[in-house]
Amino acid sequence: MTTPDRDATSGVVVVRKGELTDSTAQTSGMPRRAAISPGDGRSSKLWMGRVTGHPGMNSGPHHHGEAETCGYILSGRCRVYYGAEFKDYVDLETGDFIYVGPYVPHIEANPNDEPVEFVTVRTPDNIVVNLP
């Protein structure tokens, strides 16, 4: 038996770590690299990628339109601001999960001395609406 890398007809697709692309919607300060996307034909409704937050960086205010977003912290720590004037926040660390509902304005930030890496899964796609 072989492991299909690109056999979309079987319903199984493998994306190798070196095959992620930055050709996806972005915010400033937190680059996204897509692995699975409706735009690449690997999925019809799901976006999945890896996000890196370098020390001192933040995404700027944004929301993801109709998309529901889940994240899992692979390494490091980050802070997610939300609510009125972004005064509320939650701190996340390695192993934590987060859900952000549709149209919820937020800012992902890394106020720490080490990078944060996380996996993001979003449906129906990687919608990014940057806010002023």
N, C-alpha and C. Protein backbone atom coordinates (compact mmCIF):
# COMPACT_ATOMS: atom_id res chain seq x y z
N MET A 1 0.85 -1.18 0.00
CA MET A 1 0.00 0.00 0.00
C MET A 1 0.89 1.24 0.00
N THR A 2 0.49 2.26 -0.74
CA THR A 2 1.26 3.50 -0.80
C THR A 2 0.49 4.61 -0.12
N THR A 3 1.19 5.65 0.27
CA THR A 3 0.57 6.84 0.85
C THR A 3 0.38 7.87 -0.24
N PRO A 4 -0.86 8.22 -0.57
CA PRO A 4 -1.08 9.18 -1.65
C PRO A 4 -0.76 10.59 -1.21
N ASP A 5 0.07 11.28 -1.97
CA ASP A 5 0.32 12.68 -1.71
C ASP A 5 -0.71 13.57 -2.39
N ARG A 6 -1.17 13.16 -3.55
CA ARG A 6 -2.04 14.01 -4.34
C ARG A 6 -3.23 13.27 -4.92
N ASP A 7 -3.66 12.20 -4.32
CA ASP A 7 -4.75 11.41 -4.88
C ASP A 7 -6.10 11.91 -4.36
N ALA A 8 -6.54 13.05 -4.88
CA ALA A 8 -7.80 13.64 -4.43
C ALA A 8 -9.00 12.75 -4.72
N THR A 9 -8.89 11.88 -5.72
CA THR A 9 -10.01 11.00 -6.05
C THR A 9 -10.25 9.97 -4.95
N SER A 10 -9.22 9.63 -4.18
CA SER A 10 -9.37 8.65 -3.10
C SER A 10 -9.95 9.29 -1.85
N GLY A 11 -9.95 10.62 -1.77
CA GLY A 11 -10.39 11.31 -0.56
C GLY A 11 -9.27 11.48 0.45
N VAL A 12 -8.05 11.10 0.10
CA VAL A 12 -6.90 11.24 0.99
C VAL A 12 -5.83 12.06 0.28
N VAL A 13 -5.40 13.14 0.94
CA VAL A 13 -4.35 13.99 0.38
C VAL A 13 -3.36 14.29 1.50
N VAL A 14 -2.09 14.15 1.25
CA VAL A 14 -1.05 14.47 2.21
C VAL A 14 -0.34 15.72 1.73
N VAL A 15 -0.14 16.68 2.61
CA VAL A 15 0.62 17.89 2.30
C VAL A 15 1.87 17.85 3.18
N ARG A 16 3.01 17.78 2.56
CA ARG A 16 4.28 17.69 3.29
C ARG A 16 4.68 19.05 3.84
N LYS A 17 5.46 19.04 4.91
CA LYS A 17 5.80 20.28 5.61
C LYS A 17 6.44 21.34 4.71
N GLY A 18 7.15 20.95 3.69
CA GLY A 18 7.77 21.91 2.79
C GLY A 18 6.86 22.42 1.69
N GLU A 19 5.60 21.97 1.68
CA GLU A 19 4.69 22.32 0.59
C GLU A 19 3.66 23.39 0.97
N LEU A 20 3.75 23.95 2.15
CA LEU A 20 2.81 25.00 2.53
C LEU A 20 3.06 26.24 1.68
N THR A 21 2.01 27.03 1.46
CA THR A 21 2.14 28.22 0.63
C THR A 21 1.66 29.46 1.38
N ASP A 22 2.28 30.60 1.10
CA ASP A 22 1.82 31.85 1.70
C ASP A 22 0.87 32.59 0.76
N SER A 23 0.42 31.92 -0.29
CA SER A 23 -0.57 32.48 -1.22
C SER A 23 -1.96 32.33 -0.62
N THR A 24 -2.23 33.08 0.43
CA THR A 24 -3.50 33.03 1.14
C THR A 24 -3.75 34.39 1.77
N ALA A 25 -4.97 34.64 2.19
CA ALA A 25 -5.29 35.93 2.83
C ALA A 25 -4.42 36.10 4.07
N GLN A 26 -4.00 37.34 4.32
CA GLN A 26 -3.04 37.63 5.39
C GLN A 26 -3.48 38.82 6.24
N THR A 27 -2.92 38.87 7.44
CA THR A 27 -2.93 40.07 8.26
C THR A 27 -1.47 40.45 8.44
N SER A 28 -1.21 41.65 8.96
CA SER A 28 0.18 42.04 9.20
C SER A 28 0.69 41.32 10.44
N GLY A 29 1.96 41.02 10.47
CA GLY A 29 2.62 40.54 11.68
C GLY A 29 2.47 39.06 11.99
N MET A 30 1.51 38.37 11.43
CA MET A 30 1.30 36.95 11.73
C MET A 30 1.13 36.20 10.41
N PRO A 31 2.22 35.89 9.72
CA PRO A 31 2.10 35.24 8.41
C PRO A 31 1.41 33.87 8.48
N ARG A 32 0.52 33.64 7.54
CA ARG A 32 -0.21 32.38 7.42
C ARG A 32 0.35 31.60 6.24
N ARG A 33 0.50 30.27 6.43
CA ARG A 33 0.95 29.39 5.36
C ARG A 33 -0.08 28.29 5.22
N ALA A 34 -0.71 28.21 4.08
CA ALA A 34 -1.80 27.27 3.85
C ALA A 34 -1.31 25.88 3.51
N ALA A 35 -2.01 24.88 4.07
CA ALA A 35 -1.78 23.48 3.72
C ALA A 35 -2.97 22.94 2.95
N ILE A 36 -4.17 23.24 3.44
CA ILE A 36 -5.42 22.77 2.85
C ILE A 36 -6.29 23.98 2.59
N SER A 37 -6.87 24.06 1.39
CA SER A 37 -7.68 25.23 1.06
C SER A 37 -8.66 24.89 -0.06
N PRO A 38 -9.87 25.48 0.00
CA PRO A 38 -10.79 25.29 -1.12
C PRO A 38 -10.18 25.78 -2.44
N GLY A 39 -9.33 26.78 -2.37
CA GLY A 39 -8.72 27.33 -3.58
C GLY A 39 -7.73 26.41 -4.26
N ASP A 40 -7.20 25.42 -3.53
CA ASP A 40 -6.24 24.52 -4.14
C ASP A 40 -6.85 23.18 -4.54
N GLY A 41 -8.15 23.04 -4.35
CA GLY A 41 -8.83 21.81 -4.74
C GLY A 41 -8.68 20.66 -3.77
N ARG A 42 -7.99 20.88 -2.65
CA ARG A 42 -7.79 19.81 -1.68
C ARG A 42 -8.98 19.66 -0.75
N SER A 43 -9.81 20.70 -0.66
CA SER A 43 -10.99 20.68 0.20
C SER A 43 -12.04 21.55 -0.46
N SER A 44 -13.30 21.28 -0.17
CA SER A 44 -14.36 22.12 -0.73
C SER A 44 -14.82 23.17 0.27
N LYS A 45 -14.56 22.99 1.57
CA LYS A 45 -15.09 23.91 2.57
C LYS A 45 -14.15 24.22 3.72
N LEU A 46 -12.93 23.78 3.69
CA LEU A 46 -12.07 23.87 4.86
C LEU A 46 -10.74 24.49 4.50
N TRP A 47 -10.25 25.39 5.37
CA TRP A 47 -8.92 25.95 5.23
C TRP A 47 -8.13 25.53 6.46
N MET A 48 -6.88 25.11 6.26
CA MET A 48 -6.01 24.74 7.37
C MET A 48 -4.61 25.21 7.06
N GLY A 49 -3.97 25.81 8.05
CA GLY A 49 -2.63 26.29 7.83
C GLY A 49 -1.87 26.49 9.13
N ARG A 50 -0.64 26.92 8.96
CA ARG A 50 0.26 27.18 10.09
C ARG A 50 0.54 28.67 10.14
N VAL A 51 0.50 29.22 11.36
CA VAL A 51 0.71 30.65 11.56
C VAL A 51 1.91 30.84 12.49
N THR A 52 2.76 31.80 12.15
CA THR A 52 3.92 32.13 12.97
C THR A 52 3.78 33.56 13.48
N GLY A 53 3.97 33.73 14.77
CA GLY A 53 3.99 35.08 15.36
C GLY A 53 5.34 35.34 15.98
N HIS A 54 6.10 36.23 15.38
CA HIS A 54 7.42 36.56 15.90
C HIS A 54 7.29 37.44 17.15
N PRO A 55 8.27 37.46 18.01
CA PRO A 55 8.20 38.29 19.23
C PRO A 55 7.86 39.74 18.91
N GLY A 56 6.93 40.29 19.68
CA GLY A 56 6.54 41.69 19.55
C GLY A 56 5.56 41.99 18.43
N MET A 57 5.18 41.01 17.63
CA MET A 57 4.31 41.25 16.48
C MET A 57 2.85 41.04 16.84
N ASN A 58 1.97 41.64 16.04
CA ASN A 58 0.54 41.34 16.17
C ASN A 58 -0.12 41.41 14.80
N SER A 59 -1.31 40.83 14.73
CA SER A 59 -2.01 40.70 13.46
C SER A 59 -2.73 41.96 13.03
N GLY A 60 -2.91 42.90 13.93
CA GLY A 60 -3.78 44.03 13.66
C GLY A 60 -5.23 43.58 13.78
N PRO A 61 -6.16 44.51 13.96
CA PRO A 61 -7.57 44.14 14.12
C PRO A 61 -8.15 43.57 12.83
N HIS A 62 -8.88 42.47 12.96
CA HIS A 62 -9.50 41.82 11.81
C HIS A 62 -10.59 40.88 12.29
N HIS A 63 -11.36 40.36 11.35
CA HIS A 63 -12.28 39.26 11.63
C HIS A 63 -12.27 38.34 10.41
N HIS A 64 -12.98 37.23 10.52
CA HIS A 64 -12.95 36.23 9.46
C HIS A 64 -14.32 36.02 8.82
N GLY A 65 -15.08 37.12 8.74
CA GLY A 65 -16.37 37.05 8.06
C GLY A 65 -17.22 35.92 8.61
N GLU A 66 -17.83 35.16 7.71
CA GLU A 66 -18.73 34.08 8.10
C GLU A 66 -17.98 32.85 8.63
N ALA A 67 -16.66 32.85 8.55
CA ALA A 67 -15.89 31.66 8.92
C ALA A 67 -15.83 31.45 10.43
N GLU A 68 -15.90 30.19 10.81
CA GLU A 68 -15.59 29.78 12.17
C GLU A 68 -14.11 29.41 12.19
N THR A 69 -13.42 29.78 13.27
CA THR A 69 -11.98 29.58 13.34
C THR A 69 -11.62 28.83 14.61
N CYS A 70 -10.75 27.84 14.47
CA CYS A 70 -10.18 27.13 15.61
C CYS A 70 -8.67 27.21 15.50
N GLY A 71 -8.01 27.29 16.64
CA GLY A 71 -6.56 27.30 16.65
C GLY A 71 -6.02 26.37 17.72
N TYR A 72 -4.81 25.88 17.48
CA TYR A 72 -4.10 25.02 18.43
C TYR A 72 -2.66 25.51 18.50
N ILE A 73 -2.20 25.83 19.72
CA ILE A 73 -0.85 26.35 19.90
C ILE A 73 0.15 25.19 19.90
N LEU A 74 1.02 25.18 18.88
CA LEU A 74 2.05 24.16 18.77
C LEU A 74 3.22 24.43 19.70
N SER A 75 3.64 25.71 19.75
CA SER A 75 4.76 26.09 20.60
C SER A 75 4.67 27.58 20.90
N GLY A 76 5.18 27.95 22.06
CA GLY A 76 5.20 29.35 22.45
C GLY A 76 3.91 29.77 23.14
N ARG A 77 3.75 31.09 23.24
CA ARG A 77 2.58 31.68 23.90
C ARG A 77 2.11 32.87 23.07
N CYS A 78 0.82 33.17 23.15
CA CYS A 78 0.29 34.35 22.48
C CYS A 78 -0.90 34.88 23.25
N ARG A 79 -1.35 36.03 22.83
CA ARG A 79 -2.50 36.70 23.44
C ARG A 79 -3.47 37.04 22.33
N VAL A 80 -4.76 36.84 22.58
CA VAL A 80 -5.80 37.21 21.63
C VAL A 80 -6.69 38.25 22.30
N TYR A 81 -6.70 39.46 21.70
CA TYR A 81 -7.54 40.56 22.18
C TYR A 81 -8.88 40.52 21.46
N TYR A 82 -9.94 40.89 22.13
CA TYR A 82 -11.28 40.91 21.55
C TYR A 82 -12.14 41.85 22.38
N GLY A 83 -13.41 41.97 22.04
CA GLY A 83 -14.35 42.79 22.81
C GLY A 83 -14.26 44.27 22.46
N ALA A 84 -15.01 45.07 23.22
CA ALA A 84 -15.07 46.51 22.98
C ALA A 84 -13.67 47.11 23.08
N GLU A 85 -13.26 47.77 22.03
CA GLU A 85 -11.96 48.42 21.94
C GLU A 85 -10.80 47.46 22.22
N PHE A 86 -11.04 46.17 22.04
CA PHE A 86 -10.03 45.13 22.23
C PHE A 86 -9.41 45.16 23.63
N LYS A 87 -10.24 45.49 24.62
CA LYS A 87 -9.75 45.56 26.01
C LYS A 87 -9.74 44.19 26.69
N ASP A 88 -10.53 43.25 26.19
CA ASP A 88 -10.53 41.90 26.75
C ASP A 88 -9.46 41.07 26.05
N TYR A 89 -8.90 40.12 26.75
CA TYR A 89 -7.93 39.23 26.11
C TYR A 89 -7.86 37.90 26.83
N VAL A 90 -7.31 36.93 26.12
CA VAL A 90 -7.03 35.61 26.68
C VAL A 90 -5.60 35.27 26.30
N ASP A 91 -4.85 34.70 27.25
CA ASP A 91 -3.50 34.23 26.99
C ASP A 91 -3.53 32.74 26.70
N LEU A 92 -2.78 32.34 25.69
CA LEU A 92 -2.72 30.94 25.27
C LEU A 92 -1.28 30.46 25.32
N GLU A 93 -1.10 29.18 25.60
CA GLU A 93 0.24 28.60 25.61
C GLU A 93 0.22 27.24 24.93
N THR A 94 1.38 26.66 24.75
CA THR A 94 1.51 25.38 24.07
C THR A 94 0.47 24.38 24.57
N GLY A 95 -0.24 23.78 23.61
CA GLY A 95 -1.25 22.78 23.94
C GLY A 95 -2.66 23.32 24.07
N ASP A 96 -2.83 24.65 24.11
CA ASP A 96 -4.16 25.24 24.24
C ASP A 96 -4.87 25.32 22.89
N PHE A 97 -6.19 25.25 22.93
CA PHE A 97 -7.06 25.42 21.77
C PHE A 97 -7.87 26.69 21.95
N ILE A 98 -8.32 27.30 20.84
CA ILE A 98 -9.20 28.47 20.90
C ILE A 98 -10.21 28.38 19.75
N TYR A 99 -11.40 28.89 20.01
CA TYR A 99 -12.44 29.03 18.99
C TYR A 99 -12.79 30.51 18.90
N VAL A 100 -12.88 31.04 17.69
CA VAL A 100 -13.33 32.41 17.44
C VAL A 100 -14.49 32.33 16.47
N GLY A 101 -15.64 32.84 16.88
CA GLY A 101 -16.84 32.75 16.07
C GLY A 101 -16.83 33.69 14.87
N PRO A 102 -17.79 33.51 13.98
CA PRO A 102 -17.90 34.35 12.79
C PRO A 102 -18.04 35.83 13.15
N TYR A 103 -17.41 36.68 12.38
CA TYR A 103 -17.50 38.15 12.48
C TYR A 103 -16.99 38.72 13.80
N VAL A 104 -16.27 37.96 14.61
CA VAL A 104 -15.76 38.46 15.89
C VAL A 104 -14.43 39.18 15.64
N PRO A 105 -14.40 40.51 15.82
CA PRO A 105 -13.14 41.23 15.66
C PRO A 105 -12.14 40.82 16.75
N HIS A 106 -10.89 40.64 16.37
CA HIS A 106 -9.87 40.24 17.32
C HIS A 106 -8.49 40.61 16.80
N ILE A 107 -7.51 40.50 17.68
CA ILE A 107 -6.10 40.74 17.35
C ILE A 107 -5.30 39.61 17.98
N GLU A 108 -4.50 38.91 17.19
CA GLU A 108 -3.56 37.95 17.73
C GLU A 108 -2.24 38.68 17.96
N ALA A 109 -1.64 38.50 19.13
CA ALA A 109 -0.41 39.20 19.44
C ALA A 109 0.58 38.25 20.12
N ASN A 110 1.85 38.58 19.95
CA ASN A 110 2.90 37.85 20.63
C ASN A 110 3.75 38.85 21.41
N PRO A 111 3.38 39.12 22.69
CA PRO A 111 4.16 40.05 23.50
C PRO A 111 5.35 39.38 24.18
N ASN A 112 5.70 38.18 23.77
CA ASN A 112 6.73 37.39 24.42
C ASN A 112 8.06 37.45 23.68
N ASP A 113 9.08 36.82 24.26
CA ASP A 113 10.44 36.85 23.71
C ASP A 113 10.73 35.70 22.74
N GLU A 114 9.78 34.80 22.55
CA GLU A 114 9.99 33.66 21.65
C GLU A 114 8.86 33.61 20.64
N PRO A 115 9.09 33.03 19.48
CA PRO A 115 8.02 32.92 18.48
C PRO A 115 6.90 32.01 18.98
N VAL A 116 5.71 32.23 18.44
CA VAL A 116 4.58 31.34 18.68
C VAL A 116 4.22 30.71 17.35
N GLU A 117 3.94 29.42 17.37
CA GLU A 117 3.52 28.68 16.17
C GLU A 117 2.18 28.05 16.48
N PHE A 118 1.21 28.22 15.60
CA PHE A 118 -0.07 27.56 15.81
C PHE A 118 -0.68 27.10 14.51
N VAL A 119 -1.55 26.11 14.64
CA VAL A 119 -2.31 25.59 13.52
C VAL A 119 -3.69 26.23 13.58
N THR A 120 -4.16 26.71 12.45
CA THR A 120 -5.49 27.29 12.36
C THR A 120 -6.32 26.48 11.37
N VAL A 121 -7.56 26.23 11.76
CA VAL A 121 -8.53 25.57 10.89
C VAL A 121 -9.73 26.49 10.79
N ARG A 122 -10.18 26.72 9.57
CA ARG A 122 -11.26 27.68 9.35
C ARG A 122 -12.20 27.12 8.29
N THR A 123 -13.49 27.37 8.51
CA THR A 123 -14.47 26.98 7.51
C THR A 123 -15.46 28.13 7.34
N PRO A 124 -15.77 28.53 6.11
CA PRO A 124 -15.61 27.80 4.86
C PRO A 124 -14.31 28.08 4.12
N ASP A 125 -13.49 29.01 4.54
CA ASP A 125 -12.23 29.33 3.84
C ASP A 125 -11.45 30.29 4.71
N ASN A 126 -10.26 30.67 4.27
CA ASN A 126 -9.43 31.62 5.01
C ASN A 126 -9.86 33.04 4.68
N ILE A 127 -11.01 33.41 5.18
CA ILE A 127 -11.53 34.78 5.00
C ILE A 127 -10.81 35.68 5.99
N VAL A 128 -10.23 36.77 5.51
CA VAL A 128 -9.57 37.74 6.39
C VAL A 128 -10.06 39.12 6.01
N VAL A 129 -10.73 39.78 6.95
CA VAL A 129 -11.20 41.15 6.75
C VAL A 129 -10.41 42.04 7.71
N ASN A 130 -9.41 42.74 7.18
CA ASN A 130 -8.60 43.64 8.02
C ASN A 130 -9.43 44.88 8.34
N LEU A 131 -9.36 45.31 9.60
CA LEU A 131 -10.14 46.46 10.07
C LEU A 131 -9.22 47.64 10.31
N PRO A 132 -9.79 48.87 10.27
CA PRO A 132 -8.94 50.05 10.50
C PRO A 132 -8.46 50.12 11.95
